[in-house]
Amino acid sequence: MRDYELVYVVKPVLDEESREAVQNRIKEIIEANGGEVSKVDAWGNRKLAYPIAKFTEGYYTLVNFKASVELPKELDRNLKINENVIRHIIVACA
């Protein structure tokens, strides 16, 4: 199992319940594929460097997790499908 970091940005107009639904869905995907979430850190609304889908702000969240090598591909696929996530990045930690 390797350590990974996921940073994702959701639309700033979402309410707390919708943001938690996205966060819970990410946890479900990680745990269903044999990974474990070690830390979730909500950074809150931040200004984007450039407009994305006509939004100038986004709600940032950092997720640290351990998983097999195949899991980031599945997580990436699910985040691309999710209409509330406007950007995400998954990085393997050394």
N, C-alpha and C. Protein backbone atom coordinates (compact mmCIF):
# COMPACT_ATOMS: atom_id res chain seq x y z
N MET A 1 0.85 -1.19 0.00
CA MET A 1 0.00 0.00 0.00
C MET A 1 0.88 1.24 0.00
N ARG A 2 0.47 2.23 -0.79
CA ARG A 2 1.22 3.48 -0.89
C ARG A 2 0.40 4.61 -0.28
N ASP A 3 1.11 5.68 0.07
CA ASP A 3 0.45 6.89 0.57
C ASP A 3 0.11 7.80 -0.61
N TYR A 4 -1.10 8.37 -0.58
CA TYR A 4 -1.55 9.28 -1.62
C TYR A 4 -2.17 10.51 -0.99
N GLU A 5 -2.14 11.61 -1.76
CA GLU A 5 -2.85 12.83 -1.39
C GLU A 5 -3.81 13.16 -2.52
N LEU A 6 -5.02 13.50 -2.16
CA LEU A 6 -6.03 13.94 -3.11
C LEU A 6 -6.47 15.33 -2.70
N VAL A 7 -6.39 16.27 -3.62
CA VAL A 7 -6.98 17.59 -3.40
C VAL A 7 -8.07 17.75 -4.44
N TYR A 8 -9.26 18.06 -3.98
CA TYR A 8 -10.35 18.28 -4.92
C TYR A 8 -11.06 19.58 -4.59
N VAL A 9 -11.64 20.18 -5.64
CA VAL A 9 -12.33 21.46 -5.53
C VAL A 9 -13.76 21.24 -5.99
N VAL A 10 -14.71 21.61 -5.12
CA VAL A 10 -16.13 21.51 -5.50
C VAL A 10 -16.68 22.92 -5.71
N LYS A 11 -17.82 22.97 -6.34
CA LYS A 11 -18.46 24.25 -6.64
C LYS A 11 -18.74 25.01 -5.34
N PRO A 12 -18.47 26.32 -5.32
CA PRO A 12 -18.66 27.09 -4.09
C PRO A 12 -20.12 27.29 -3.71
N VAL A 13 -21.04 27.05 -4.63
CA VAL A 13 -22.46 27.26 -4.35
C VAL A 13 -23.12 26.08 -3.65
N LEU A 14 -22.39 24.99 -3.47
CA LEU A 14 -22.96 23.81 -2.81
C LEU A 14 -23.16 24.05 -1.32
N ASP A 15 -24.22 23.47 -0.78
CA ASP A 15 -24.43 23.57 0.65
C ASP A 15 -23.60 22.51 1.37
N GLU A 16 -23.58 22.59 2.69
CA GLU A 16 -22.75 21.70 3.51
C GLU A 16 -23.11 20.22 3.27
N GLU A 17 -24.38 19.95 3.12
CA GLU A 17 -24.84 18.58 2.93
C GLU A 17 -24.31 17.98 1.62
N SER A 18 -24.28 18.75 0.56
CA SER A 18 -23.77 18.28 -0.73
C SER A 18 -22.27 18.06 -0.69
N ARG A 19 -21.55 18.95 0.00
CA ARG A 19 -20.09 18.78 0.14
C ARG A 19 -19.78 17.52 0.93
N GLU A 20 -20.55 17.26 1.98
CA GLU A 20 -20.34 16.04 2.77
C GLU A 20 -20.68 14.80 1.95
N ALA A 21 -21.66 14.89 1.07
CA ALA A 21 -22.01 13.75 0.22
C ALA A 21 -20.85 13.40 -0.71
N VAL A 22 -20.19 14.42 -1.28
CA VAL A 22 -19.02 14.18 -2.14
C VAL A 22 -17.91 13.55 -1.31
N GLN A 23 -17.67 14.09 -0.13
CA GLN A 23 -16.61 13.58 0.75
C GLN A 23 -16.89 12.13 1.16
N ASN A 24 -18.13 11.82 1.50
CA ASN A 24 -18.50 10.45 1.88
C ASN A 24 -18.36 9.49 0.70
N ARG A 25 -18.70 9.95 -0.50
CA ARG A 25 -18.57 9.11 -1.69
C ARG A 25 -17.10 8.76 -1.94
N ILE A 26 -16.21 9.72 -1.74
CA ILE A 26 -14.78 9.48 -1.91
C ILE A 26 -14.29 8.46 -0.88
N LYS A 27 -14.72 8.61 0.37
CA LYS A 27 -14.35 7.65 1.41
C LYS A 27 -14.85 6.25 1.08
N GLU A 28 -16.08 6.16 0.58
CA GLU A 28 -16.65 4.86 0.21
C GLU A 28 -15.83 4.18 -0.88
N ILE A 29 -15.42 4.94 -1.89
CA ILE A 29 -14.64 4.37 -2.99
C ILE A 29 -13.30 3.86 -2.47
N ILE A 30 -12.64 4.65 -1.63
CA ILE A 30 -11.34 4.25 -1.09
C ILE A 30 -11.47 2.99 -0.24
N GLU A 31 -12.43 2.98 0.67
CA GLU A 31 -12.58 1.84 1.58
C GLU A 31 -13.11 0.59 0.87
N ALA A 32 -13.94 0.76 -0.15
CA ALA A 32 -14.46 -0.38 -0.89
C ALA A 32 -13.37 -1.08 -1.69
N ASN A 33 -12.32 -0.36 -2.04
CA ASN A 33 -11.22 -0.93 -2.81
C ASN A 33 -10.02 -1.28 -1.94
N GLY A 34 -10.22 -1.43 -0.64
CA GLY A 34 -9.17 -1.90 0.27
C GLY A 34 -8.23 -0.82 0.77
N GLY A 35 -8.55 0.45 0.56
CA GLY A 35 -7.71 1.53 1.06
C GLY A 35 -8.20 2.02 2.41
N GLU A 36 -7.45 2.96 2.98
CA GLU A 36 -7.88 3.55 4.25
C GLU A 36 -7.57 5.04 4.25
N VAL A 37 -8.55 5.81 4.69
CA VAL A 37 -8.41 7.26 4.77
C VAL A 37 -7.73 7.60 6.09
N SER A 38 -6.61 8.32 6.02
CA SER A 38 -5.91 8.68 7.25
C SER A 38 -6.26 10.08 7.74
N LYS A 39 -6.59 11.00 6.81
CA LYS A 39 -6.88 12.37 7.24
C LYS A 39 -7.70 13.08 6.17
N VAL A 40 -8.68 13.88 6.61
CA VAL A 40 -9.46 14.74 5.72
C VAL A 40 -9.36 16.15 6.28
N ASP A 41 -8.92 17.08 5.45
CA ASP A 41 -8.72 18.46 5.88
C ASP A 41 -9.46 19.39 4.93
N ALA A 42 -10.52 20.02 5.42
CA ALA A 42 -11.29 20.97 4.61
C ALA A 42 -10.62 22.34 4.68
N TRP A 43 -10.22 22.86 3.54
CA TRP A 43 -9.55 24.16 3.49
C TRP A 43 -10.54 25.31 3.32
N GLY A 44 -11.75 25.01 2.90
CA GLY A 44 -12.77 26.04 2.74
C GLY A 44 -12.73 26.70 1.38
N ASN A 45 -13.49 27.79 1.25
CA ASN A 45 -13.56 28.52 -0.02
C ASN A 45 -12.28 29.30 -0.26
N ARG A 46 -11.73 29.15 -1.45
CA ARG A 46 -10.53 29.86 -1.86
C ARG A 46 -10.74 30.39 -3.27
N LYS A 47 -10.03 31.45 -3.59
CA LYS A 47 -10.08 32.02 -4.94
C LYS A 47 -9.29 31.12 -5.88
N LEU A 48 -9.84 30.86 -7.05
CA LEU A 48 -9.17 30.07 -8.06
C LEU A 48 -8.19 30.95 -8.85
N ALA A 49 -7.13 30.35 -9.37
CA ALA A 49 -6.14 31.09 -10.14
C ALA A 49 -6.75 31.61 -11.45
N TYR A 50 -7.70 30.88 -11.98
CA TYR A 50 -8.39 31.27 -13.21
C TYR A 50 -9.80 30.69 -13.15
N PRO A 51 -10.74 31.29 -13.85
CA PRO A 51 -12.12 30.79 -13.80
C PRO A 51 -12.23 29.37 -14.36
N ILE A 52 -12.99 28.54 -13.65
CA ILE A 52 -13.27 27.18 -14.08
C ILE A 52 -14.79 27.03 -14.10
N ALA A 53 -15.34 26.71 -15.25
CA ALA A 53 -16.79 26.55 -15.41
C ALA A 53 -17.53 27.77 -14.86
N LYS A 54 -17.01 28.95 -15.14
CA LYS A 54 -17.57 30.25 -14.73
C LYS A 54 -17.53 30.50 -13.23
N PHE A 55 -16.77 29.71 -12.49
CA PHE A 55 -16.59 29.93 -11.05
C PHE A 55 -15.23 30.58 -10.82
N THR A 56 -15.18 31.56 -9.92
CA THR A 56 -13.90 32.19 -9.57
C THR A 56 -13.42 31.73 -8.20
N GLU A 57 -14.27 31.00 -7.48
CA GLU A 57 -13.91 30.43 -6.18
C GLU A 57 -14.28 28.95 -6.18
N GLY A 58 -13.69 28.21 -5.23
CA GLY A 58 -14.01 26.81 -5.07
C GLY A 58 -13.78 26.38 -3.64
N TYR A 59 -14.43 25.31 -3.23
CA TYR A 59 -14.27 24.77 -1.87
C TYR A 59 -13.26 23.63 -1.94
N TYR A 60 -12.09 23.85 -1.33
CA TYR A 60 -10.98 22.91 -1.39
C TYR A 60 -11.02 21.91 -0.23
N THR A 61 -10.66 20.66 -0.52
CA THR A 61 -10.54 19.63 0.50
C THR A 61 -9.33 18.75 0.19
N LEU A 62 -8.55 18.44 1.22
CA LEU A 62 -7.39 17.56 1.10
C LEU A 62 -7.71 16.24 1.78
N VAL A 63 -7.42 15.13 1.10
CA VAL A 63 -7.64 13.79 1.65
C VAL A 63 -6.34 13.02 1.56
N ASN A 64 -5.82 12.55 2.70
CA ASN A 64 -4.65 11.68 2.73
C ASN A 64 -5.15 10.26 2.91
N PHE A 65 -4.64 9.33 2.08
CA PHE A 65 -5.09 7.95 2.19
C PHE A 65 -4.01 6.98 1.75
N LYS A 66 -4.17 5.72 2.17
CA LYS A 66 -3.28 4.63 1.77
C LYS A 66 -4.10 3.70 0.89
N ALA A 67 -3.47 3.24 -0.20
CA ALA A 67 -4.21 2.38 -1.12
C ALA A 67 -3.26 1.62 -2.03
N SER A 68 -3.83 0.66 -2.75
CA SER A 68 -3.06 -0.07 -3.75
C SER A 68 -2.87 0.82 -4.97
N VAL A 69 -2.05 0.37 -5.89
CA VAL A 69 -1.70 1.17 -7.06
C VAL A 69 -2.89 1.37 -8.00
N GLU A 70 -3.85 0.46 -8.02
CA GLU A 70 -4.98 0.55 -8.93
C GLU A 70 -6.05 1.55 -8.48
N LEU A 71 -6.13 1.82 -7.19
CA LEU A 71 -7.20 2.66 -6.65
C LEU A 71 -7.22 4.08 -7.20
N PRO A 72 -6.10 4.77 -7.35
CA PRO A 72 -6.17 6.14 -7.88
C PRO A 72 -6.83 6.24 -9.25
N LYS A 73 -6.67 5.23 -10.09
CA LYS A 73 -7.31 5.24 -11.40
C LYS A 73 -8.83 5.21 -11.26
N GLU A 74 -9.31 4.35 -10.36
CA GLU A 74 -10.75 4.24 -10.13
C GLU A 74 -11.30 5.52 -9.50
N LEU A 75 -10.57 6.08 -8.54
CA LEU A 75 -10.98 7.31 -7.89
C LEU A 75 -11.01 8.46 -8.90
N ASP A 76 -10.00 8.54 -9.75
CA ASP A 76 -9.94 9.57 -10.79
C ASP A 76 -11.15 9.46 -11.72
N ARG A 77 -11.49 8.26 -12.12
CA ARG A 77 -12.64 8.04 -13.00
C ARG A 77 -13.93 8.53 -12.36
N ASN A 78 -14.12 8.22 -11.07
CA ASN A 78 -15.33 8.64 -10.36
C ASN A 78 -15.39 10.15 -10.17
N LEU A 79 -14.25 10.78 -9.91
CA LEU A 79 -14.24 12.23 -9.71
C LEU A 79 -14.51 12.98 -11.02
N LYS A 80 -14.08 12.42 -12.14
CA LYS A 80 -14.36 13.04 -13.44
C LYS A 80 -15.86 13.00 -13.75
N ILE A 81 -16.53 11.96 -13.29
CA ILE A 81 -17.97 11.81 -13.53
C ILE A 81 -18.79 12.74 -12.64
N ASN A 82 -18.31 13.00 -11.43
CA ASN A 82 -19.06 13.80 -10.45
C ASN A 82 -19.19 15.24 -10.93
N GLU A 83 -20.42 15.70 -11.10
CA GLU A 83 -20.65 17.04 -11.62
C GLU A 83 -20.35 18.16 -10.62
N ASN A 84 -20.26 17.84 -9.33
CA ASN A 84 -19.97 18.85 -8.32
C ASN A 84 -18.48 19.13 -8.16
N VAL A 85 -17.63 18.21 -8.61
CA VAL A 85 -16.18 18.39 -8.51
C VAL A 85 -15.70 19.09 -9.78
N ILE A 86 -15.10 20.30 -9.60
CA ILE A 86 -14.65 21.04 -10.78
C ILE A 86 -13.17 20.81 -11.08
N ARG A 87 -12.37 20.40 -10.10
CA ARG A 87 -10.96 20.04 -10.32
C ARG A 87 -10.52 19.07 -9.24
N HIS A 88 -9.56 18.21 -9.58
CA HIS A 88 -8.96 17.31 -8.59
C HIS A 88 -7.58 16.89 -9.06
N ILE A 89 -6.77 16.48 -8.10
CA ILE A 89 -5.45 15.93 -8.40
C ILE A 89 -5.12 14.88 -7.36
N ILE A 90 -4.54 13.77 -7.82
CA ILE A 90 -4.11 12.69 -6.93
C ILE A 90 -2.61 12.55 -7.08
N VAL A 91 -1.88 12.62 -5.96
CA VAL A 91 -0.42 12.57 -5.98
C VAL A 91 0.05 11.44 -5.07
N ALA A 92 0.99 10.65 -5.56
CA ALA A 92 1.60 9.60 -4.74
C ALA A 92 2.70 10.24 -3.90
N CYS A 93 2.69 9.99 -2.59
CA CYS A 93 3.70 10.55 -1.69
C CYS A 93 4.91 9.60 -1.63
N ALA A 94 6.07 10.18 -1.43
CA ALA A 94 7.30 9.37 -1.38
C ALA A 94 7.43 8.64 -0.07
